[in-house]
C-alpha atoms as a PDB file:
ATOM      1  CA  MET A   1     -82.019  16.401  59.553  1.00  0.00           C
ATOM      2  CA  THR A   2     -81.302  19.859  58.464  1.00  0.00           C
ATOM      3  CA  GLY A   3     -79.810  18.247  55.360  1.00  0.00           C
ATOM      4  CA  ALA A   4     -82.755  16.455  54.604  1.00  0.00           C
ATOM      5  CA  THR A   5     -84.911  19.782  54.927  1.00  0.00           C
ATOM      6  CA  ALA A   6     -82.619  21.569  52.588  1.00  0.00           C
ATOM      7  CA  ASN A   7     -83.031  18.767  49.865  1.00  0.00           C
ATOM      8  CA  GLY A   8     -86.890  19.007  50.275  1.00  0.00           C
ATOM      9  CA  THR A   9     -87.017  22.628  49.857  1.00  0.00           C
ATOM     10  CA  CYS A  10     -85.159  22.202  46.574  1.00  0.00           C
ATOM     11  CA  PHE A  11     -88.471  20.422  45.153  1.00  0.00           C
ATOM     12  CA  MET A  12     -90.687  23.044  46.444  1.00  0.00           C
ATOM     13  CA  ASP A  13     -91.039  25.194  43.242  1.00  0.00           C
ATOM     14  CA  SER A  14     -92.843  22.326  41.334  1.00  0.00           C
ATOM     15  CA  LEU A  15     -95.016  21.473  44.336  1.00  0.00           C
ATOM     16  CA  VAL A  16     -96.224  24.750  45.615  1.00  0.00           C
ATOM     17  CA  GLY A  17     -99.239  24.341  47.910  1.00  0.00           C
ATOM     18  CA  ARG A  18     -98.640  20.469  48.169  1.00  0.00           C
ATOM     19  CA  VAL A  19     -95.783  20.066  50.254  1.00  0.00           C
ATOM     20  CA  LEU A  20     -94.619  21.955  53.128  1.00  0.00           C
ATOM     21  CA  PRO A  21     -91.188  20.895  54.930  1.00  0.00           C
ATOM     22  CA  LEU A  22     -91.277  21.130  58.458  1.00  0.00           C
ATOM     23  CA  LEU A  23     -88.189  20.607  60.474  1.00  0.00           C
ATOM     24  CA  GLY A  24     -88.596  18.324  63.668  1.00  0.00           C
ATOM     25  CA  ARG A  25     -88.978  15.193  65.298  1.00  0.00           C
ATOM     26  CA  PHE A  26     -91.743  12.953  65.728  1.00  0.00           C
ATOM     27  CA  SER A  27     -92.015  14.245  69.341  1.00  0.00           C
ATOM     28  CA  GLU A  28     -92.454  17.513  67.902  1.00  0.00           C
ATOM     29  CA  LEU A  29     -95.195  16.743  65.290  1.00  0.00           C
ATOM     30  CA  GLY A  30     -97.970  17.871  67.419  1.00  0.00           C
ATOM     31  CA  PRO A  31     -96.791  21.499  67.926  1.00  0.00           C
ATOM     32  CA  LEU A  32     -95.655  21.638  64.233  1.00  0.00           C
ATOM     33  CA  LEU A  33     -99.066  20.718  62.988  1.00  0.00           C
ATOM     34  CA  CYS A  34    -100.887  23.216  65.115  1.00  0.00           C
ATOM     35  CA  GLY A  35     -98.480  25.719  64.126  1.00  0.00           C
ATOM     36  CA  GLN A  36     -99.947  25.376  60.738  1.00  0.00           C
ATOM     37  CA  GLY A  37    -103.187  25.527  61.791  1.00  0.00           C
ATOM     38  CA  LEU A  38    -103.835  21.706  61.907  1.00  0.00           C
ATOM     39  CA  GLY A  39    -105.333  21.100  65.312  1.00  0.00           C
ATOM     40  CA  PRO A  40    -106.607  17.811  66.651  1.00  0.00           C
ATOM     41  CA  GLY A  41    -108.914  15.920  64.417  1.00  0.00           C
ATOM     42  CA  SER A  42    -108.039  17.932  61.237  1.00  0.00           C
ATOM     43  CA  LEU A  43    -106.010  15.377  59.187  1.00  0.00           C
ATOM     44  CA  ASP A  44    -107.460  13.046  56.433  1.00  0.00           C
ATOM     45  CA  ALA A  45    -104.271  10.809  56.436  1.00  0.00           C
ATOM     46  CA  ALA A  46    -100.748  10.294  57.869  1.00  0.00           C
ATOM     47  CA  LEU A  47     -97.794   8.411  56.792  1.00  0.00           C
ATOM     48  CA  LEU A  48     -94.939   7.617  59.260  1.00  0.00           C
ATOM     49  CA  ASP A  49     -91.767   6.618  57.867  1.00  0.00           C
ATOM     50  CA  ALA A  50     -89.472   5.444  60.661  1.00  0.00           C
ATOM     51  CA  GLY A  51     -86.537   4.589  58.293  1.00  0.00           C
ATOM     52  CA  CYS A  52     -83.333   6.328  57.914  1.00  0.00           C
ATOM     53  CA  SER A  53     -82.503   7.906  54.539  1.00  0.00           C
ATOM     54  CA  SER A  54     -79.534   6.395  52.427  1.00  0.00           C
ATOM     55  CA  MET A  55     -77.754   9.885  52.653  1.00  0.00           C
ATOM     56  CA  GLN A  56     -77.421   9.776  56.379  1.00  0.00           C
ATOM     57  CA  MET A  57     -76.239   6.023  56.158  1.00  0.00           C
ATOM     58  CA  ASP A  58     -73.739   6.698  53.251  1.00  0.00           C
ATOM     59  CA  GLY A  59     -72.433   9.870  54.840  1.00  0.00           C
ATOM     60  CA  ALA A  60     -68.897   8.553  56.771  1.00  0.00           C
ATOM     61  CA  GLU A  61     -69.089  11.952  58.800  1.00  0.00           C
ATOM     62  CA  ARG A  62     -72.408  10.957  60.448  1.00  0.00           C
ATOM     63  CA  GLY A  63     -70.986   7.663  61.883  1.00  0.00           C
ATOM     64  CA  PHE A  64     -73.912   5.291  60.826  1.00  0.00           C
ATOM     65  CA  SER A  65     -71.874   3.274  58.419  1.00  0.00           C
ATOM     66  CA  LEU A  66     -69.340   0.412  59.772  1.00  0.00           C
ATOM     67  CA  SER A  67     -68.147  -0.048  56.194  1.00  0.00           C
ATOM     68  CA  LYS A  68     -66.774   3.722  56.151  1.00  0.00           C
ATOM     69  CA  ASP A  69     -64.485   5.245  58.779  1.00  0.00           C
ATOM     70  CA  GLY A  70     -65.821   8.328  60.417  1.00  0.00           C
ATOM     71  CA  PRO A  71     -66.574   9.774  63.719  1.00  0.00           C
ATOM     72  CA  LEU A  72     -68.833   7.588  65.950  1.00  0.00           C
ATOM     73  CA  ASP A  73     -71.655  10.167  65.994  1.00  0.00           C
ATOM     74  CA  MET A  74     -74.898   8.505  64.746  1.00  0.00           C
ATOM     75  CA  ARG A  75     -77.038  11.498  66.020  1.00  0.00           C
ATOM     76  CA  MET A  76     -79.895  12.276  63.530  1.00  0.00           C
ATOM     77  CA  ASP A  77     -80.385  15.677  64.996  1.00  0.00           C
ATOM     78  CA  GLY A  78     -76.845  16.660  65.968  1.00  0.00           C
ATOM     79  CA  ASP A  79     -76.793  20.161  64.138  1.00  0.00           C
ATOM     80  CA  ARG A  80     -79.799  21.224  66.131  1.00  0.00           C
ATOM     81  CA  TYR A  81     -78.919  19.642  69.340  1.00  0.00           C
ATOM     82  CA  PRO A  82     -75.111  19.723  69.318  1.00  0.00           C
ATOM     83  CA  ASN A  83     -74.861  18.993  73.084  1.00  0.00           C
ATOM     84  CA  MET A  84     -76.964  15.744  72.589  1.00  0.00           C
ATOM     85  CA  PRO A  85     -74.780  12.739  73.654  1.00  0.00           C
ATOM     86  CA  CYS A  86     -73.325  10.657  70.547  1.00  0.00           C
ATOM     87  CA  ALA A  87     -72.735   7.010  70.019  1.00  0.00           C
ATOM     88  CA  ALA A  88     -69.103   7.603  71.311  1.00  0.00           C
ATOM     89  CA  ASP A  89     -70.094   9.008  74.353  1.00  0.00           C
ATOM     90  CA  ALA A  90     -72.284   5.857  74.987  1.00  0.00           C
ATOM     91  CA  VAL A  91     -69.746   3.603  74.217  1.00  0.00           C
ATOM     92  CA  ASN A  92     -66.933   5.127  76.362  1.00  0.00           C
ATOM     93  CA  ALA A  93     -69.216   6.134  79.452  1.00  0.00           C
ATOM     94  CA  LEU A  94     -71.756   3.418  80.064  1.00  0.00           C
ATOM     95  CA  ASP A  95     -70.644   0.408  82.217  1.00  0.00           C
ATOM     96  CA  GLN A  96     -70.689  -3.050  80.639  1.00  0.00           C
ATOM     97  CA  GLN A  97     -74.145  -3.941  82.084  1.00  0.00           C
ATOM     98  CA  ALA A  98     -75.870  -0.974  80.511  1.00  0.00           C
ATOM     99  CA  LEU A  99     -74.002  -1.705  77.142  1.00  0.00           C
ATOM    100  CA  ALA A 100     -75.211  -5.244  76.987  1.00  0.00           C
ATOM    101  CA  SER A 101     -78.808  -4.266  77.934  1.00  0.00           C
ATOM    102  CA  ILE A 102     -78.541  -1.759  74.938  1.00  0.00           C
ATOM    103  CA  LEU A 103     -77.535  -4.431  72.596  1.00  0.00           C
ATOM    104  CA  ALA A 104     -80.001  -6.909  73.680  1.00  0.00           C
ATOM    105  CA  SER A 105     -83.091  -4.579  73.821  1.00  0.00           C
ATOM    106  CA  TYR A 106     -82.468  -2.462  70.722  1.00  0.00           C
ATOM    107  CA  ALA A 107     -81.071  -5.059  68.425  1.00  0.00           C
ATOM    108  CA  GLU A 108     -81.925  -8.320  69.966  1.00  0.00           C
ATOM    109  CA  GLU A 109     -78.144  -9.088  69.897  1.00  0.00           C
ATOM    110  CA  ARG A 110     -77.588 -12.660  71.201  1.00  0.00           C
ATOM    111  CA  HIS A 111     -74.101 -11.968  72.101  1.00  0.00           C
ATOM    112  CA  ALA A 112     -74.737  -8.854  73.767  1.00  0.00           C
ATOM    113  CA  ARG A 113     -72.481  -9.635  76.837  1.00  0.00           C
ATOM    114  CA  LYS A 114     -69.836 -10.682  74.924  1.00  0.00           C
ATOM    115  CA  ILE A 115     -69.699  -7.564  72.911  1.00  0.00           C
ATOM    116  CA  ALA A 116     -70.269  -5.233  75.722  1.00  0.00           C
ATOM    117  CA  ALA A 117     -67.108  -6.988  77.506  1.00  0.00           C
ATOM    118  CA  ALA A 118     -65.074  -6.564  74.397  1.00  0.00           C
ATOM    119  CA  ILE A 119     -65.914  -2.823  74.214  1.00  0.00           C
ATOM    120  CA  VAL A 120     -65.233  -2.366  77.857  1.00  0.00           C
ATOM    121  CA  ARG A 121     -61.585  -3.893  77.581  1.00  0.00           C
ATOM    122  CA  ALA A 122     -60.590  -1.930  74.315  1.00  0.00           C
ATOM    123  CA  ARG A 123     -61.745   1.385  75.862  1.00  0.00           C
ATOM    124  CA  SER A 124     -59.646   0.927  78.916  1.00  0.00           C
ATOM    125  CA  ILE A 125     -56.522   1.048  76.462  1.00  0.00           C
ATOM    126  CA  HIS A 126     -58.045   3.756  74.062  1.00  0.00           C
ATOM    127  CA  PRO A 127     -61.219   5.589  73.769  1.00  0.00           C
ATOM    128  CA  ILE A 128     -63.463   4.286  70.990  1.00  0.00           C
ATOM    129  CA  LEU A 129     -64.076   7.112  68.753  1.00  0.00           C
ATOM    130  CA  ARG A 130     -64.391   6.013  65.175  1.00  0.00           C
ATOM    131  CA  THR A 131     -66.863   3.689  63.501  1.00  0.00           C
ATOM    132  CA  GLN A 132     -64.287   1.342  61.959  1.00  0.00           C
ATOM    133  CA  GLN A 133     -62.616   1.111  65.297  1.00  0.00           C
ATOM    134  CA  LEU A 134     -65.780   0.073  66.944  1.00  0.00           C
ATOM    135  CA  ALA A 135     -66.418  -2.533  64.153  1.00  0.00           C
ATOM    136  CA  SER A 136     -62.776  -3.872  64.866  1.00  0.00           C
ATOM    137  CA  VAL A 137     -63.497  -4.117  68.514  1.00  0.00           C
ATOM    138  CA  VAL A 138     -66.571  -6.108  68.094  1.00  0.00           C
ATOM    139  CA  ALA A 139     -65.014  -8.439  65.317  1.00  0.00           C
ATOM    140  CA  GLY A 140     -62.320  -9.018  67.753  1.00  0.00           C
ATOM    141  CA  ALA A 141     -64.969 -10.784  70.137  1.00  0.00           C
ATOM    142  CA  PHE A 142     -65.529 -13.506  67.553  1.00  0.00           C
ATOM    143  CA  ALA A 143     -63.593 -15.978  65.657  1.00  0.00           C
ATOM    144  CA  ALA A 144     -62.618 -15.256  62.314  1.00  0.00           C
ATOM    145  CA  PRO A 145     -65.145 -17.485  60.600  1.00  0.00           C
ATOM    146  CA  ALA A 146     -67.846 -15.983  62.563  1.00  0.00           C
ATOM    147  CA  LEU A 147     -67.523 -12.321  61.064  1.00  0.00           C
ATOM    148  CA  TYR A 148     -69.682 -12.756  58.132  1.00  0.00           C
ATOM    149  CA  SER A 149     -71.548 -15.843  59.308  1.00  0.00           C
ATOM    150  CA  ARG A 150     -74.838 -14.025  59.633  1.00  0.00           C
ATOM    151  CA  LEU A 151     -76.963 -13.599  56.449  1.00  0.00           C
ATOM    152  CA  ASP A 152     -79.437 -11.058  55.782  1.00  0.00           C
ATOM    153  CA  ARG A 153     -82.927 -11.682  54.034  1.00  0.00           C
ATOM    154  CA  LEU A 154     -81.164 -11.728  50.534  1.00  0.00           C
ATOM    155  CA  GLN A 155     -78.796 -14.314  51.948  1.00  0.00           C
ATOM    156  CA  ARG A 156     -75.879 -12.034  51.783  1.00  0.00           C
ATOM    157  CA  PRO A 157     -73.119 -12.121  54.507  1.00  0.00           C
ATOM    158  CA  THR A 158     -73.490  -9.204  57.174  1.00  0.00           C
ATOM    159  CA  HIS A 159     -70.731  -8.000  59.385  1.00  0.00           C
ATOM    160  CA  VAL A 160     -70.956  -9.151  62.980  1.00  0.00           C
ATOM    161  CA  ALA A 161     -71.213  -5.677  64.101  1.00  0.00           C
ATOM    162  CA  THR A 162     -74.259  -4.730  62.342  1.00  0.00           C
ATOM    163  CA  LYS A 163     -76.598  -5.177  65.006  1.00  0.00           C
ATOM    164  CA  THR A 164     -74.262  -3.321  67.550  1.00  0.00           C
ATOM    165  CA  PHE A 165     -74.541  -0.270  65.239  1.00  0.00           C
ATOM    166  CA  GLN A 166     -78.262  -0.688  65.059  1.00  0.00           C
ATOM    167  CA  ALA A 167     -78.708  -0.685  68.843  1.00  0.00           C
ATOM    168  CA  LEU A 168     -76.401   2.315  69.403  1.00  0.00           C
ATOM    169  CA  ARG A 169     -78.269   4.372  66.770  1.00  0.00           C
ATOM    170  CA  VAL A 170     -81.729   3.593  68.316  1.00  0.00           C
ATOM    171  CA  PHE A 171     -80.427   4.261  71.658  1.00  0.00           C
ATOM    172  CA  VAL A 172     -78.716   7.605  70.912  1.00  0.00           C
ATOM    173  CA  ASN A 173     -81.773   8.845  68.957  1.00  0.00           C
ATOM    174  CA  ASP A 174     -84.521   7.269  71.409  1.00  0.00           C
ATOM    175  CA  GLU A 175     -85.935   5.999  68.216  1.00  0.00           C
ATOM    176  CA  LEU A 176     -88.766   3.857  69.650  1.00  0.00           C
ATOM    177  CA  ASN A 177     -89.891   6.587  71.966  1.00  0.00           C
ATOM    178  CA  GLU A 178     -89.919   9.023  69.085  1.00  0.00           C
ATOM    179  CA  LEU A 179     -92.028   6.525  67.000  1.00  0.00           C
ATOM    180  CA  HIS A 180     -94.489   6.139  69.808  1.00  0.00           C
ATOM    181  CA  ALA A 181     -94.772  10.004  70.114  1.00  0.00           C
ATOM    182  CA  GLY A 182     -95.369  10.267  66.306  1.00  0.00           C
ATOM    183  CA  LEU A 183     -98.191   7.532  66.591  1.00  0.00           C
ATOM    184  CA  ARG A 184     -99.762   9.272  69.389  1.00  0.00           C
ATOM    185  CA  ALA A 185     -99.581  12.719  67.588  1.00  0.00           C
ATOM    186  CA  ALA A 186    -101.114  10.808  64.398  1.00  0.00           C
ATOM    187  CA  ARG A 187    -103.933   9.507  66.596  1.00  0.00           C
ATOM    188  CA  THR A 188    -104.572  12.770  67.953  1.00  0.00           C
ATOM    189  CA  HIS A 189    -104.663  14.833  64.668  1.00  0.00           C
ATOM    190  CA  LEU A 190    -106.502  12.261  62.512  1.00  0.00           C
ATOM    191  CA  LYS A 191    -110.181  12.757  61.782  1.00  0.00           C
ATOM    192  CA  PRO A 192    -112.475   9.871  62.836  1.00  0.00           C
ATOM    193  CA  GLY A 193    -112.091   7.581  59.680  1.00  0.00           C
ATOM    194  CA  GLY A 194    -108.507   9.203  58.926  1.00  0.00           C
ATOM    195  CA  ARG A 195    -106.355   6.979  57.540  1.00  0.00           C
ATOM    196  CA  LEU A 196    -102.655   6.253  59.088  1.00  0.00           C
ATOM    197  CA  CYS A 197     -99.895   4.380  57.444  1.00  0.00           C
ATOM    198  CA  VAL A 198     -96.568   3.246  59.030  1.00  0.00           C
ATOM    199  CA  LEU A 199     -93.604   2.020  57.403  1.00  0.00           C
ATOM    200  CA  THR A 200     -90.938   0.423  59.572  1.00  0.00           C
ATOM    201  CA  PHE A 201     -87.478  -1.388  58.921  1.00  0.00           C
ATOM    202  CA  HIS A 202     -86.786  -3.534  61.648  1.00  0.00           C
ATOM    203  CA  SER A 203     -88.848  -5.740  64.137  1.00  0.00           C
ATOM    204  CA  LEU A 204     -88.556  -3.635  67.191  1.00  0.00           C
ATOM    205  CA  GLU A 205     -90.396  -0.797  65.422  1.00  0.00           C
ATOM    206  CA  ASP A 206     -92.865  -2.947  63.699  1.00  0.00           C
ATOM    207  CA  ARG A 207     -93.972  -4.570  66.848  1.00  0.00           C
ATOM    208  CA  ALA A 208     -94.472  -1.266  68.531  1.00  0.00           C
ATOM    209  CA  VAL A 209     -96.727  -0.173  65.799  1.00  0.00           C
ATOM    210  CA  LYS A 210     -98.551  -3.463  65.893  1.00  0.00           C
ATOM    211  CA  ARG A 211     -98.997  -3.032  69.593  1.00  0.00           C
ATOM    212  CA  PHE A 212    -100.246   0.486  69.349  1.00  0.00           C
ATOM    213  CA  LEU A 213    -102.851  -0.371  66.654  1.00  0.00           C
ATOM    214  CA  ARG A 214    -104.156  -2.992  69.113  1.00  0.00           C
ATOM    215  CA  GLY A 215    -104.534  -0.490  71.775  1.00  0.00           C
ATOM    216  CA  GLU A 216    -101.847  -1.813  74.132  1.00  0.00           C
ATOM    217  CA  ASP A 217     -99.935   0.371  76.473  1.00  0.00           C
ATOM    218  CA  LEU A 218     -96.198   0.498  75.048  1.00  0.00           C
ATOM    219  CA  SER A 219     -94.840   1.279  78.249  1.00  0.00           C
ATOM    220  CA  ALA A 220     -95.917  -2.099  79.541  1.00  0.00           C
ATOM    221  CA  PRO A 221     -94.538  -5.451  78.665  1.00  0.00           C
ATOM    222  CA  PRO A 222     -96.004  -6.892  75.683  1.00  0.00           C
ATOM    223  CA  ARG A 223     -98.489  -9.422  75.600  1.00  0.00           C
ATOM    224  CA  HIS A 224     -97.825 -12.627  74.019  1.00  0.00           C
ATOM    225  CA  ASN A 225    -100.257 -15.245  72.831  1.00  0.00           C
ATOM    226  CA  ILE A 226     -99.591 -18.859  72.499  1.00  0.00           C
ATOM    227  CA  ARG A 227     -98.816 -18.546  68.688  1.00  0.00           C
ATOM    228  CA  ASP A 228     -96.297 -15.689  69.446  1.00  0.00           C
ATOM    229  CA  HIS A 229     -94.798 -17.784  72.141  1.00  0.00           C
ATOM    230  CA  ALA A 230     -94.307 -21.027  69.802  1.00  0.00           C
ATOM    231  CA  ARG A 231     -92.819 -18.823  67.060  1.00  0.00           C
ATOM    232  CA  SER A 232     -90.283 -17.323  69.525  1.00  0.00           C
ATOM    233  CA  ARG A 233     -89.206 -20.724  70.648  1.00  0.00           C
ATOM    234  CA  HIS A 234     -88.775 -21.730  66.949  1.00  0.00           C
ATOM    235  CA  TRP A 235     -86.517 -18.802  66.137  1.00  0.00           C
ATOM    236  CA  GLU A 236     -84.478 -19.630  69.320  1.00  0.00           C
ATOM    237  CA  GLU A 237     -83.952 -23.054  68.509  1.00  0.00           C
ATOM    238  CA  LYS A 238     -82.707 -22.041  64.977  1.00  0.00           C
ATOM    239  CA  GLY A 239     -80.605 -19.488  66.631  1.00  0.00           C
ATOM    240  CA  GLU A 240     -82.036 -16.609  64.592  1.00  0.00           C
ATOM    241  CA  GLY A 241     -83.844 -13.376  65.514  1.00  0.00           C
ATOM    242  CA  PRO A 242     -87.537 -13.569  66.152  1.00  0.00           C
ATOM    243  CA  ASP A 243     -90.133 -12.182  63.703  1.00  0.00           C
ATOM    244  CA  HIS A 244     -93.330 -11.720  65.679  1.00  0.00           C
ATOM    245  CA  GLY A 245     -96.287 -12.617  63.454  1.00  0.00           C
ATOM    246  CA  ASP A 246     -97.494 -13.017  59.985  1.00  0.00           C
ATOM    247  CA  ASP A 247    -100.533 -10.993  61.192  1.00  0.00           C
ATOM    248  CA  ALA A 248    -103.019 -13.561  59.563  1.00  0.00           C
ATOM    249  CA  GLY A 249    -106.146 -12.369  61.185  1.00  0.00           C
ATOM    250  CA  ASP A 250    -105.055  -9.008  61.834  1.00  0.00           C
ATOM    251  CA  VAL A 251    -107.721  -7.216  59.788  1.00  0.00           C
ATOM    252  CA  GLY A 252    -110.547  -5.821  61.447  1.00  0.00           C
ATOM    253  CA  GLU A 253    -111.529  -3.449  64.483  1.00  0.00           C
ATOM    254  CA  THR A 254    -108.949  -3.403  67.321  1.00  0.00           C
ATOM    255  CA  GLY A 255    -107.685  -0.775  69.743  1.00  0.00           C
ATOM    256  CA  GLY A 256    -109.767   2.358  68.443  1.00  0.00           C
ATOM    257  CA  TRP A 257    -108.324   1.513  64.909  1.00  0.00           C
ATOM    258  CA  VAL A 258    -109.970  -0.237  62.043  1.00  0.00           C
ATOM    259  CA  LEU A 259    -106.998  -2.357  60.368  1.00  0.00           C
ATOM    260  CA  LEU A 260    -107.380  -2.045  56.754  1.00  0.00           C
ATOM    261  CA  ARG A 261    -105.183  -4.942  55.418  1.00  0.00           C
ATOM    262  CA  LYS A 262    -102.496  -7.279  56.393  1.00  0.00           C
ATOM    263  CA  MET A 263     -98.864  -6.317  56.777  1.00  0.00           C
ATOM    264  CA  THR A 264     -97.489  -5.533  53.538  1.00  0.00           C
ATOM    265  CA  THR A 265     -93.956  -6.371  52.672  1.00  0.00           C
ATOM    266  CA  PRO A 266     -91.842  -5.718  49.511  1.00  0.00           C
ATOM    267  CA  THR A 267     -92.131  -8.050  46.359  1.00  0.00           C
ATOM    268  CA  ASN A 268     -88.995  -9.878  45.184  1.00  0.00           C
ATOM    269  CA  GLU A 269     -88.620  -7.356  42.361  1.00  0.00           C
ATOM    270  CA  GLU A 270     -88.771  -4.366  44.729  1.00  0.00           C
ATOM    271  CA  VAL A 271     -86.220  -5.870  47.013  1.00  0.00           C
ATOM    272  CA  GLN A 272     -83.863  -6.581  43.924  1.00  0.00           C
ATOM    273  CA  ALA A 273     -84.456  -2.964  42.817  1.00  0.00           C
ATOM    274  CA  ASN A 274     -83.818  -1.443  46.329  1.00  0.00           C
ATOM    275  CA  PRO A 275     -82.008  -4.017  48.401  1.00  0.00           C
ATOM    276  CA  ARG A 276     -82.192  -1.494  51.418  1.00  0.00           C
ATOM    277  CA  GLY A 277     -85.808  -1.886  51.473  1.00  0.00           C
ATOM    278  CA  ARG A 278     -85.703  -5.611  51.976  1.00  0.00           C
ATOM    279  CA  SER A 279     -86.966  -5.342  55.665  1.00  0.00           C
ATOM    280  CA  ALA A 280     -89.704  -2.634  55.124  1.00  0.00           C
ATOM    281  CA  LYS A 281     -93.191  -3.460  56.429  1.00  0.00           C
ATOM    282  CA  LEU A 282     -96.233  -1.369  55.805  1.00  0.00           C
ATOM    283  CA  ARG A 283     -99.168  -1.231  58.275  1.00  0.00           C
ATOM    284  CA  ALA A 284    -102.275   0.573  57.459  1.00  0.00           C
ATOM    285  CA  ALA A 285    -105.275   1.359  59.613  1.00  0.00           C
ATOM    286  CA  ALA A 286    -108.110   4.055  59.936  1.00  0.00           C
ATOM    287  CA  ARG A 287    -109.370   5.848  63.006  1.00  0.00           C
ATOM    288  CA  ARG A 288    -112.519   4.205  64.160  1.00  0.00           C
ATOM    289  CA  GLN A 289    -115.758   6.331  63.636  1.00  0.00           C
ATOM    290  CA  MET A 290    -117.101   7.783  66.614  1.00  0.00           C
ATOM    291  CA  THR A 291    -120.496   6.018  67.403  1.00  0.00           C
ATOM    292  CA  PRO A 292    -123.226   8.579  68.324  1.00  0.00           C
ATOM    293  CA  GLU A 293    -124.871   8.240  71.764  1.00  0.00           C
ATOM    294  CA  PRO A 294    -128.489   7.194  71.608  1.00  0.00           C
END
């Protein structure tokens, strides 16, 4: 995260008075804003980007990439919090049931128990400390033809360990709770009528944003309507991950927000130009205006 701040500072000369980089997590957003004199109800608009930067993904030393060997780290903020547990700590310390729960909850991995069992067997021989070591352990739980049998949205083969890496990254960085904290901070600091835009990159994030804008309690189990249930059954029968909602009708007032438009996804041309943005989803809403009491 400190690297991103350093890179942002390089552009400050041309953006004086327009951009002020502040180092912190979503959960630290409220105090950071207040420290700049921006109290509750003071913002005209907020854009939350829940994605990871390509610089983080491409740096082998950060431990996010399964295609480049590096330490199994995956901490977004390890420089500021060096004692924060990393992915290797989770992989080597958690029991099989906990690992399976992480894979199922944070990546909707259908083979979570099989992969967790393979990890526990492998670490009993040697600790799993490197990214490609973990990728090999996960691959070893499957027959050779299954290693690249999964396809992404561009119909390109993806490694069978991709979801395992996603789940560990989300777990290590507490990403869903951080996103929820950012959403709450935005709600607190936006003026009535202020705009909120949220950019997400996988279904767990998008579902959390959707529920937040509906006014649901994110600590409670999600409410599913008949359409969502039928869609989930459809994806289960196809053996693929669920995609909860095309959002038809999700425009209007709900949960203290006025939804400004349906969910927006990249065009085919945008995906071709930036394949890593293929799963991006953008939601926009405005804080409902206060109704004056009679």
